[in-house]
């Protein structure tokens, strides 16, 4: 172990916080090695890290990664192997557990060690710990079923694309509906305005006006039923007079289906007061 090198204050994924010195009773004896208080880089979980000395009962020669668990209800103890070499030897596992057990035994009832090992990291680290704890399970699942993993990822991607496409279609439909409503409102606004020029058939002849024939009658325009005996024709609910002029129409005339028209004044439809033929 004399040739081991590590960054100052760090060893693998562990941050070395404080070394148990030889002046302390028990845990700092150099016959086992250097024992440190430590914390994990990602999870911030409290840990003990031992760097074995040349006089230690065993020296790690294989990489074992295990998780120990003790539960009171229901009571049981478990040793979960997260990683082990294919040709791993149980002697290495036994030696690792025995060496660490001796270190914990030498800690005795140290209040400092108890406070360190029972320390709870801050809340966000719990999420990181859960994700990191499930990493190995996820990795083994992917490695055992690569095609199933690929199919699952492709299905999730397809669902994501379908959802994005559905949202795009919905946005286009809503935009089209807003444009249609705006157009109809504009047409209705024009139809409800006063006609620039009207044909007053009761009095004078028409004064021409050039504009597209609206979809609805003007508010001061005669509306159906129209009087065909006076040359009135019904178009879009309003009464119009067709002119002999064909497009292009003269100035101030409305063009509709190849003809020129003028709107009939609403006053033309007002009933006249009866007059006596005798004085």
Protein backbone atom coordinates (compact mmCIF):
# COMPACT_ATOMS: atom_id res chain seq x y z
CA UNK A 1 0.00 0.00 0.00
CA UNK A 2 3.02 2.31 0.21
CA UNK A 3 2.74 3.15 -3.48
CA UNK A 4 -0.93 4.34 -3.24
CA UNK A 5 -1.51 7.95 -4.30
CA UNK A 6 -4.59 10.10 -4.00
CA UNK A 7 -5.53 13.75 -4.17
CA UNK A 8 -5.11 15.69 -0.98
CA UNK A 9 -8.27 15.28 1.05
CA UNK A 10 -9.88 12.86 -1.43
CA UNK A 11 -9.74 9.11 -2.00
CA UNK A 12 -11.86 7.79 -4.88
CA UNK A 13 -15.42 9.09 -4.43
CA UNK A 14 -14.82 9.89 -0.74
CA UNK A 15 -13.81 13.15 0.87
CA UNK A 16 -11.55 12.52 3.84
CA UNK A 17 -12.68 14.74 6.71
CA UNK A 18 -10.59 13.76 9.71
CA UNK A 19 -8.17 11.01 10.66
CA UNK A 20 -8.46 9.11 13.89
CA UNK A 21 -5.04 9.72 15.46
CA UNK A 22 -3.00 7.26 17.46
CA UNK A 23 -3.39 9.43 20.58
CA UNK A 24 -7.07 8.49 20.70
CA UNK A 25 -7.84 5.23 22.50
CA UNK A 26 -8.62 2.31 20.24
CA UNK A 27 -9.53 3.40 16.71
CA UNK A 28 -6.24 5.03 15.71
CA UNK A 29 -3.91 2.10 16.24
CA UNK A 30 -1.54 1.90 13.30
CA UNK A 31 -1.47 -1.92 13.14
CA UNK A 32 -4.60 -1.80 10.94
CA UNK A 33 -3.82 1.38 9.02
CA UNK A 34 -5.13 4.92 8.78
CA UNK A 35 -8.82 5.32 9.59
CA UNK A 36 -10.69 8.42 8.43
CA UNK A 37 -14.05 10.04 8.85
CA UNK A 38 -15.31 10.60 5.30
CA UNK A 39 -18.34 11.49 3.20
CA UNK A 40 -19.40 10.36 -0.26
CA UNK A 41 -18.87 12.86 -3.08
CA UNK A 42 -22.37 12.64 -4.57
CA UNK A 43 -24.63 11.47 -1.76
CA UNK A 44 -22.79 13.18 1.13
CA UNK A 45 -23.49 10.03 3.15
CA UNK A 46 -21.19 9.61 6.17
CA UNK A 47 -18.57 6.88 5.81
CA UNK A 48 -15.45 5.33 7.31
CA UNK A 49 -12.41 4.88 5.06
CA UNK A 50 -9.52 2.64 6.05
CA UNK A 51 -6.17 2.66 4.25
CA UNK A 52 -4.64 -0.65 5.39
CA UNK A 53 -1.05 -0.69 6.61
CA UNK A 54 1.57 -3.29 5.75
CA UNK A 55 0.83 -4.98 9.08
CA UNK A 56 -2.93 -5.31 8.45
CA UNK A 57 -4.37 -8.86 8.48
CA UNK A 58 -5.31 -8.52 4.79
CA UNK A 59 -4.75 -6.24 1.80
CA UNK A 60 -7.53 -5.72 -0.80
CA UNK A 61 -6.68 -7.53 -4.02
CA UNK A 62 -10.14 -7.53 -5.60
CA UNK A 63 -12.84 -4.92 -6.06
CA UNK A 64 -15.94 -5.74 -4.07
CA UNK A 65 -18.86 -3.37 -3.65
CA UNK A 66 -21.40 -4.45 -1.05
CA UNK A 67 -24.27 -2.89 0.89
CA UNK A 68 -25.07 -3.92 4.47
CA UNK A 69 -28.52 -3.54 5.98
CA UNK A 70 -30.04 -4.10 9.39
CA UNK A 71 -33.81 -3.89 9.93
CA UNK A 72 -35.75 -4.18 13.15
CA UNK A 73 -39.30 -4.74 11.84
CA UNK A 74 -39.22 -7.42 10.66
CA UNK A 75 -35.77 -8.17 12.04
CA UNK A 76 -33.13 -9.27 9.53
CA UNK A 77 -29.57 -8.62 8.35
CA UNK A 78 -28.61 -8.51 4.69
CA UNK A 79 -25.46 -8.26 2.62
CA UNK A 80 -26.18 -7.08 -0.91
CA UNK A 81 -23.41 -7.43 -3.49
CA UNK A 82 -23.53 -4.56 -5.97
CA UNK A 83 -20.31 -5.43 -7.76
CA UNK A 84 -17.88 -8.32 -7.58
CA UNK A 85 -15.19 -9.80 -9.85
CA UNK A 86 -16.23 -12.82 -11.89
CA UNK A 87 -13.57 -14.93 -10.20
CA UNK A 88 -13.94 -13.29 -6.80
CA UNK A 89 -12.82 -15.13 -3.71
CA UNK A 90 -14.91 -15.31 -0.56
CA UNK A 91 -11.72 -14.98 1.45
CA UNK A 92 -11.37 -11.41 0.15
CA UNK A 93 -14.98 -10.65 1.14
CA UNK A 94 -14.49 -12.18 4.59
CA UNK A 95 -11.25 -10.27 5.10
CA UNK A 96 -12.85 -6.96 4.09
CA UNK A 97 -15.78 -7.43 6.46
CA UNK A 98 -13.55 -8.61 9.29
CA UNK A 99 -11.14 -5.69 8.92
CA UNK A 100 -13.93 -3.10 8.83
CA UNK A 101 -15.68 -4.84 11.72
CA UNK A 102 -12.51 -4.57 13.78
CA UNK A 103 -12.34 -0.85 13.04
CA UNK A 104 -15.94 -0.33 14.13
CA UNK A 105 -15.27 -2.41 17.24
CA UNK A 106 -12.31 -0.26 18.18
CA UNK A 107 -14.44 2.84 17.81
CA UNK A 108 -16.32 1.59 20.86
CA UNK A 109 -18.80 4.12 22.22
CA UNK A 110 -17.06 7.16 20.72
CA UNK A 111 -19.58 9.99 20.67
CA UNK A 112 -17.68 11.68 17.83
CA UNK A 113 -17.89 8.55 15.65
CA UNK A 114 -21.57 8.02 16.53
CA UNK A 115 -22.45 11.65 15.63
CA UNK A 116 -20.57 11.33 12.34
CA UNK A 117 -22.10 8.03 11.24
CA UNK A 118 -25.67 9.00 12.19
CA UNK A 119 -25.50 12.39 10.47
CA UNK A 120 -28.23 12.95 7.88
CA UNK A 121 -27.26 14.88 4.73
CA UNK A 122 -29.37 17.82 3.60
CA UNK A 123 -32.67 17.08 1.81
CA UNK A 124 -31.63 17.47 -1.84
CA UNK A 125 -28.92 14.86 -1.35
CA UNK A 126 -31.63 12.29 -0.56
CA UNK A 127 -32.84 12.57 -4.16
CA UNK A 128 -29.29 12.21 -5.46
CA UNK A 129 -28.78 9.22 -3.22
CA UNK A 130 -31.91 7.53 -4.52
CA UNK A 131 -30.87 8.10 -8.12
CA UNK A 132 -27.33 6.94 -7.48
CA UNK A 133 -28.59 3.91 -5.56
CA UNK A 134 -30.73 2.80 -8.49
CA UNK A 135 -27.97 3.34 -11.03
CA UNK A 136 -26.58 -0.17 -10.74
CA UNK A 137 -30.05 -1.74 -11.00
CA UNK A 138 -30.80 0.29 -14.12
CA UNK A 139 -27.43 -0.59 -15.61
CA UNK A 140 -27.98 -4.31 -15.04
CA UNK A 141 -31.47 -4.10 -16.55
CA UNK A 142 -30.16 -2.36 -19.68
CA UNK A 143 -27.26 -4.78 -20.00
CA UNK A 144 -29.52 -7.82 -19.63
CA UNK A 145 -32.12 -6.64 -22.18
CA UNK A 146 -30.56 -4.20 -24.67
CA UNK A 147 -33.24 -4.70 -27.33
CA UNK A 148 -36.05 -4.23 -24.84
CA UNK A 149 -34.36 -1.08 -23.60
CA UNK A 150 -34.01 0.21 -27.16
CA UNK A 151 -37.67 -0.54 -27.91
CA UNK A 152 -38.74 1.24 -24.72
CA UNK A 153 -36.67 4.31 -25.58
CA UNK A 154 -38.01 4.39 -29.14
CA UNK A 155 -41.58 4.08 -27.87
CA UNK A 156 -41.07 6.94 -25.44
CA UNK A 157 -39.53 9.06 -28.20
CA UNK A 158 -42.45 8.27 -30.51
CA UNK A 159 -44.97 9.28 -27.83
CA UNK A 160 -43.06 12.49 -27.28
CA UNK A 161 -43.08 13.31 -31.00
CA UNK A 162 -46.79 12.49 -31.29
CA UNK A 163 -47.56 14.77 -28.37
CA UNK A 164 -45.54 17.61 -29.91
CA UNK A 165 -47.27 17.12 -33.29
CA UNK A 166 -50.72 17.10 -31.66
CA UNK A 167 -49.88 20.32 -29.86
CA UNK A 168 -48.71 21.92 -33.11
CA UNK A 169 -51.91 20.91 -34.93
CA UNK A 170 -54.03 22.28 -32.09
CA UNK A 171 -52.15 25.58 -32.19
CA UNK A 172 -52.66 25.84 -35.97
CA UNK A 173 -56.39 25.18 -35.61
CA UNK A 174 -56.75 27.78 -32.88
CA UNK A 175 -54.85 30.33 -34.96
CA UNK A 176 -57.04 29.61 -37.99
CA UNK A 177 -60.18 30.02 -35.87
CA UNK A 178 -58.94 33.37 -34.55
CA UNK A 179 -58.18 34.61 -38.07
CA UNK A 180 -61.62 33.49 -39.31
CA UNK A 181 -63.34 35.25 -36.41
CA UNK A 182 -61.35 38.42 -37.07
CA UNK A 183 -62.27 38.32 -40.78
CA UNK A 184 -65.97 37.80 -40.05
CA UNK A 185 -65.93 40.64 -37.56
CA UNK A 186 -64.31 42.94 -40.12
CA UNK A 187 -66.91 41.99 -42.78
CA UNK A 188 -69.74 42.53 -40.30
CA UNK A 189 -68.30 45.89 -39.30
CA UNK A 190 -68.22 47.03 -42.94
CA UNK A 191 -71.76 45.75 -43.57
CA UNK A 192 -73.11 47.61 -40.53
CA UNK A 193 -71.62 50.91 -41.59
CA UNK A 194 -73.53 53.45 -43.65
CA UNK A 195 -73.38 53.09 -47.42
CA UNK A 196 -71.25 55.81 -49.06
CA UNK A 197 -73.86 56.29 -51.78
CA UNK A 198 -77.47 55.08 -52.15
CA UNK A 199 -79.95 55.00 -54.99
CA UNK A 200 -83.03 56.88 -53.87
CA UNK A 201 -85.59 55.62 -56.36
CA UNK A 202 -88.28 57.85 -54.90
CA UNK A 203 -86.39 61.02 -55.75
CA UNK A 204 -83.22 61.41 -57.79
CA UNK A 205 -81.11 59.02 -59.82
CA UNK A 206 -78.15 57.11 -58.45
CA UNK A 207 -74.86 58.62 -57.47
CA UNK A 208 -72.14 56.11 -58.35
CA UNK A 209 -69.81 54.52 -55.80
CA UNK A 210 -66.95 52.06 -56.43
CA UNK A 211 -66.50 49.29 -53.82
CA UNK A 212 -66.79 45.50 -53.54
CA UNK A 213 -70.33 44.37 -52.95
CA UNK A 214 -70.53 43.50 -49.19
CA UNK A 215 -71.75 40.20 -47.78
CA UNK A 216 -74.54 41.91 -45.83
CA UNK A 217 -76.79 44.94 -46.42
CA UNK A 218 -75.79 48.40 -45.24
CA UNK A 219 -77.78 49.70 -42.28
CA UNK A 220 -79.39 52.38 -44.45
CA UNK A 221 -79.98 50.07 -47.42
CA UNK A 222 -83.33 48.58 -48.39
CA UNK A 223 -83.53 44.91 -47.39
CA UNK A 224 -85.49 41.97 -48.78
CA UNK A 225 -88.19 41.58 -49.93
CA UNK A 226 -87.22 43.83 -52.79
CA UNK A 227 -89.51 45.38 -55.43
CA UNK A 228 -88.69 43.82 -58.82
CA UNK A 229 -91.17 46.16 -60.55
CA UNK A 230 -88.76 48.99 -59.80
CA UNK A 231 -85.78 47.03 -61.08
CA UNK A 232 -84.61 45.93 -57.63
CA UNK A 233 -82.77 42.63 -57.20
CA UNK A 234 -81.97 40.86 -53.95
CA UNK A 235 -78.27 40.09 -53.28
CA UNK A 236 -77.01 38.93 -49.87
CA UNK A 237 -80.24 40.10 -48.22
CA UNK A 238 -80.09 43.64 -49.61
CA UNK A 239 -81.82 45.41 -52.53
CA UNK A 240 -79.68 46.52 -55.44
CA UNK A 241 -80.15 48.08 -58.85
CA UNK A 242 -78.30 46.50 -61.74
CA UNK A 243 -76.75 48.96 -64.16
CA UNK A 244 -76.26 48.53 -67.86
CA UNK A 245 -72.56 49.08 -67.37
CA UNK A 246 -70.41 45.94 -67.21
CA UNK A 247 -67.05 45.70 -65.49
CA UNK A 248 -64.87 47.53 -65.32
CA UNK A 249 -67.49 49.62 -63.55
CA UNK A 250 -67.46 53.34 -63.37
CA UNK A 251 -66.25 55.13 -60.31
CA UNK A 252 -68.46 54.68 -57.19
CA UNK A 253 -70.17 51.52 -58.48
CA UNK A 254 -70.22 48.08 -56.89
CA UNK A 255 -69.10 45.08 -58.94
CA UNK A 256 -70.71 41.66 -58.48
CA UNK A 257 -70.61 38.60 -60.79
CA UNK A 258 -69.84 40.55 -63.94
CA UNK A 259 -72.31 43.40 -63.37
CA UNK A 260 -72.32 46.86 -61.81
CA UNK A 261 -74.78 47.62 -59.00
CA UNK A 262 -75.91 50.42 -56.71
CA UNK A 263 -77.68 49.91 -53.34
CA UNK A 264 -81.28 50.94 -52.93
CA UNK A 265 -82.07 53.41 -50.16
CA UNK A 266 -84.19 52.11 -47.29
CA UNK A 267 -86.45 55.12 -47.74
CA UNK A 268 -87.63 53.64 -51.05
CA UNK A 269 -89.52 50.92 -49.17
CA UNK A 270 -91.38 53.27 -46.84
CA UNK A 271 -95.10 53.23 -47.67
CA UNK A 272 -96.39 56.52 -49.05
CA UNK A 273 -99.32 58.26 -47.47
CA UNK A 274 -102.56 57.73 -49.48
CA UNK A 275 -103.72 60.77 -51.36
CA UNK A 276 -107.28 61.52 -52.42
CA UNK A 277 -107.87 61.96 -56.14
CA UNK A 278 -110.60 64.48 -55.35
CA UNK A 279 -109.83 67.88 -53.95
